[in-house]
């Protein structure tokens, strides 16, 4: 569970970085990745909660 959480954090950082870099060039692509970032954040919260409860 801990390793999965580290991977999710890295993925979230990569997505947010992409959004920041792409926002000035392609607003639609950046806006679509906001939903992906929200989904990965939600998965990370679920993963952390399960890890903490176990």
N, C-alpha and C. Protein backbone atom coordinates (compact mmCIF):
# COMPACT_ATOMS: atom_id res chain seq x y z
N UNK A 1 0.82 -1.20 0.00
CA UNK A 1 0.00 0.00 0.00
C UNK A 1 0.87 1.25 0.00
N UNK A 2 1.93 1.22 0.73
CA UNK A 2 2.81 2.39 0.79
C UNK A 2 3.45 2.70 -0.55
N UNK A 3 3.87 1.64 -1.25
CA UNK A 3 4.49 1.85 -2.56
C UNK A 3 3.47 2.41 -3.55
N UNK A 4 2.25 1.92 -3.48
CA UNK A 4 1.20 2.43 -4.37
C UNK A 4 0.92 3.91 -4.08
N UNK A 5 0.96 4.29 -2.83
CA UNK A 5 0.74 5.69 -2.47
C UNK A 5 1.86 6.57 -3.01
N UNK A 6 3.08 6.10 -2.95
CA UNK A 6 4.20 6.86 -3.50
C UNK A 6 4.04 7.04 -5.01
N UNK A 7 3.61 5.98 -5.69
CA UNK A 7 3.38 6.07 -7.14
C UNK A 7 2.26 7.05 -7.45
N UNK A 8 1.19 7.01 -6.67
CA UNK A 8 0.08 7.94 -6.89
C UNK A 8 0.50 9.39 -6.66
N UNK A 9 1.33 9.62 -5.67
CA UNK A 9 1.81 10.97 -5.42
C UNK A 9 2.67 11.45 -6.59
N UNK A 10 3.54 10.58 -7.09
CA UNK A 10 4.36 10.94 -8.25
C UNK A 10 3.52 11.21 -9.49
N UNK A 11 2.49 10.39 -9.69
CA UNK A 11 1.58 10.60 -10.82
C UNK A 11 0.84 11.93 -10.68
N UNK A 12 0.39 12.23 -9.47
CA UNK A 12 -0.32 13.48 -9.24
C UNK A 12 0.59 14.69 -9.51
N UNK A 13 1.81 14.61 -9.07
CA UNK A 13 2.77 15.70 -9.32
C UNK A 13 3.01 15.86 -10.82
N UNK A 14 3.14 14.75 -11.53
CA UNK A 14 3.35 14.82 -12.98
C UNK A 14 2.14 15.44 -13.69
N UNK A 15 0.94 15.09 -13.26
CA UNK A 15 -0.27 15.63 -13.87
C UNK A 15 -0.37 17.13 -13.62
N UNK A 16 -0.13 17.54 -12.39
CA UNK A 16 -0.21 18.97 -12.07
C UNK A 16 0.86 19.75 -12.82
N UNK A 17 2.04 19.18 -12.96
CA UNK A 17 3.10 19.83 -13.74
C UNK A 17 2.68 19.97 -15.19
N UNK A 18 2.09 18.92 -15.75
CA UNK A 18 1.62 18.98 -17.13
C UNK A 18 0.56 20.06 -17.30
N UNK A 19 -0.36 20.12 -16.36
CA UNK A 19 -1.42 21.15 -16.43
C UNK A 19 -0.79 22.54 -16.42
N UNK A 20 0.18 22.75 -15.55
CA UNK A 20 0.84 24.05 -15.47
C UNK A 20 1.58 24.42 -16.74
N UNK A 21 2.25 23.44 -17.33
CA UNK A 21 3.02 23.71 -18.55
C UNK A 21 2.12 23.87 -19.77
N UNK A 22 1.04 23.14 -19.81
CA UNK A 22 0.19 23.12 -20.99
C UNK A 22 -0.90 24.20 -20.97
N UNK A 23 -1.15 24.81 -19.83
CA UNK A 23 -2.24 25.78 -19.71
C UNK A 23 -2.10 26.96 -20.67
N UNK A 24 -0.89 27.38 -20.92
CA UNK A 24 -0.71 28.53 -21.81
C UNK A 24 -0.78 28.13 -23.29
N UNK A 25 -0.49 26.88 -23.61
CA UNK A 25 -0.50 26.46 -25.02
C UNK A 25 -1.83 25.87 -25.45
N UNK A 26 -2.42 25.02 -24.64
CA UNK A 26 -3.65 24.33 -25.02
C UNK A 26 -4.57 24.25 -23.80
N UNK A 27 -5.45 25.22 -23.68
CA UNK A 27 -6.32 25.29 -22.51
C UNK A 27 -7.26 24.10 -22.38
N UNK A 28 -7.72 23.57 -23.50
CA UNK A 28 -8.62 22.42 -23.46
C UNK A 28 -7.91 21.19 -22.88
N UNK A 29 -6.70 20.93 -23.32
CA UNK A 29 -5.95 19.79 -22.81
C UNK A 29 -5.71 19.95 -21.31
N UNK A 30 -5.35 21.15 -20.88
CA UNK A 30 -5.12 21.40 -19.46
C UNK A 30 -6.41 21.22 -18.66
N UNK A 31 -7.51 21.70 -19.20
CA UNK A 31 -8.79 21.57 -18.49
C UNK A 31 -9.23 20.12 -18.38
N UNK A 32 -8.99 19.33 -19.40
CA UNK A 32 -9.35 17.92 -19.35
C UNK A 32 -8.49 17.16 -18.34
N UNK A 33 -7.26 17.57 -18.17
CA UNK A 33 -6.39 16.91 -17.20
C UNK A 33 -6.74 17.27 -15.76
N UNK A 34 -7.51 18.32 -15.55
CA UNK A 34 -7.96 18.65 -14.19
C UNK A 34 -8.84 17.53 -13.64
N UNK A 35 -9.70 16.97 -14.46
CA UNK A 35 -10.53 15.85 -14.03
C UNK A 35 -9.67 14.63 -13.70
N UNK A 36 -8.65 14.40 -14.49
CA UNK A 36 -7.73 13.29 -14.24
C UNK A 36 -6.99 13.50 -12.92
N UNK A 37 -6.56 14.74 -12.67
CA UNK A 37 -5.88 15.04 -11.40
C UNK A 37 -6.81 14.82 -10.22
N UNK A 38 -8.07 15.19 -10.36
CA UNK A 38 -9.04 14.98 -9.28
C UNK A 38 -9.24 13.49 -9.02
N UNK A 39 -9.31 12.71 -10.08
CA UNK A 39 -9.48 11.27 -9.93
C UNK A 39 -8.27 10.63 -9.23
N UNK A 40 -7.07 11.02 -9.62
CA UNK A 40 -5.86 10.48 -9.00
C UNK A 40 -5.76 10.92 -7.54
N UNK A 41 -6.16 12.15 -7.25
CA UNK A 41 -6.16 12.62 -5.86
C UNK A 41 -7.15 11.80 -5.03
N UNK A 42 -8.31 11.54 -5.57
CA UNK A 42 -9.31 10.73 -4.87
C UNK A 42 -8.78 9.31 -4.63
N UNK A 43 -8.15 8.73 -5.63
CA UNK A 43 -7.56 7.40 -5.47
C UNK A 43 -6.47 7.41 -4.41
N UNK A 44 -5.71 8.48 -4.35
CA UNK A 44 -4.67 8.59 -3.33
C UNK A 44 -5.24 8.69 -1.93
N UNK A 45 -6.31 9.45 -1.78
CA UNK A 45 -6.96 9.57 -0.47
C UNK A 45 -7.52 8.22 -0.04
N UNK A 46 -8.16 7.51 -0.95
CA UNK A 46 -8.68 6.18 -0.63
C UNK A 46 -7.56 5.23 -0.25
N UNK A 47 -6.48 5.25 -1.00
CA UNK A 47 -5.34 4.39 -0.72
C UNK A 47 -4.76 4.69 0.65
N UNK A 48 -4.59 5.97 0.95
CA UNK A 48 -4.03 6.36 2.26
C UNK A 48 -4.95 5.95 3.40
N UNK A 49 -6.25 6.09 3.20
CA UNK A 49 -7.20 5.71 4.25
C UNK A 49 -7.17 4.20 4.51
N UNK A 50 -7.13 3.42 3.45
CA UNK A 50 -7.06 1.98 3.61
C UNK A 50 -5.75 1.56 4.27
N UNK A 51 -4.66 2.19 3.86
CA UNK A 51 -3.35 1.89 4.44
C UNK A 51 -3.34 2.23 5.93
N UNK A 52 -3.93 3.36 6.28
CA UNK A 52 -3.96 3.79 7.69
C UNK A 52 -4.84 2.87 8.53
N UNK A 53 -5.95 2.43 7.98
CA UNK A 53 -6.88 1.57 8.73
C UNK A 53 -6.33 0.15 8.91
N UNK A 54 -5.49 -0.27 8.02
CA UNK A 54 -4.92 -1.62 8.14
C UNK A 54 -3.66 -1.54 8.96
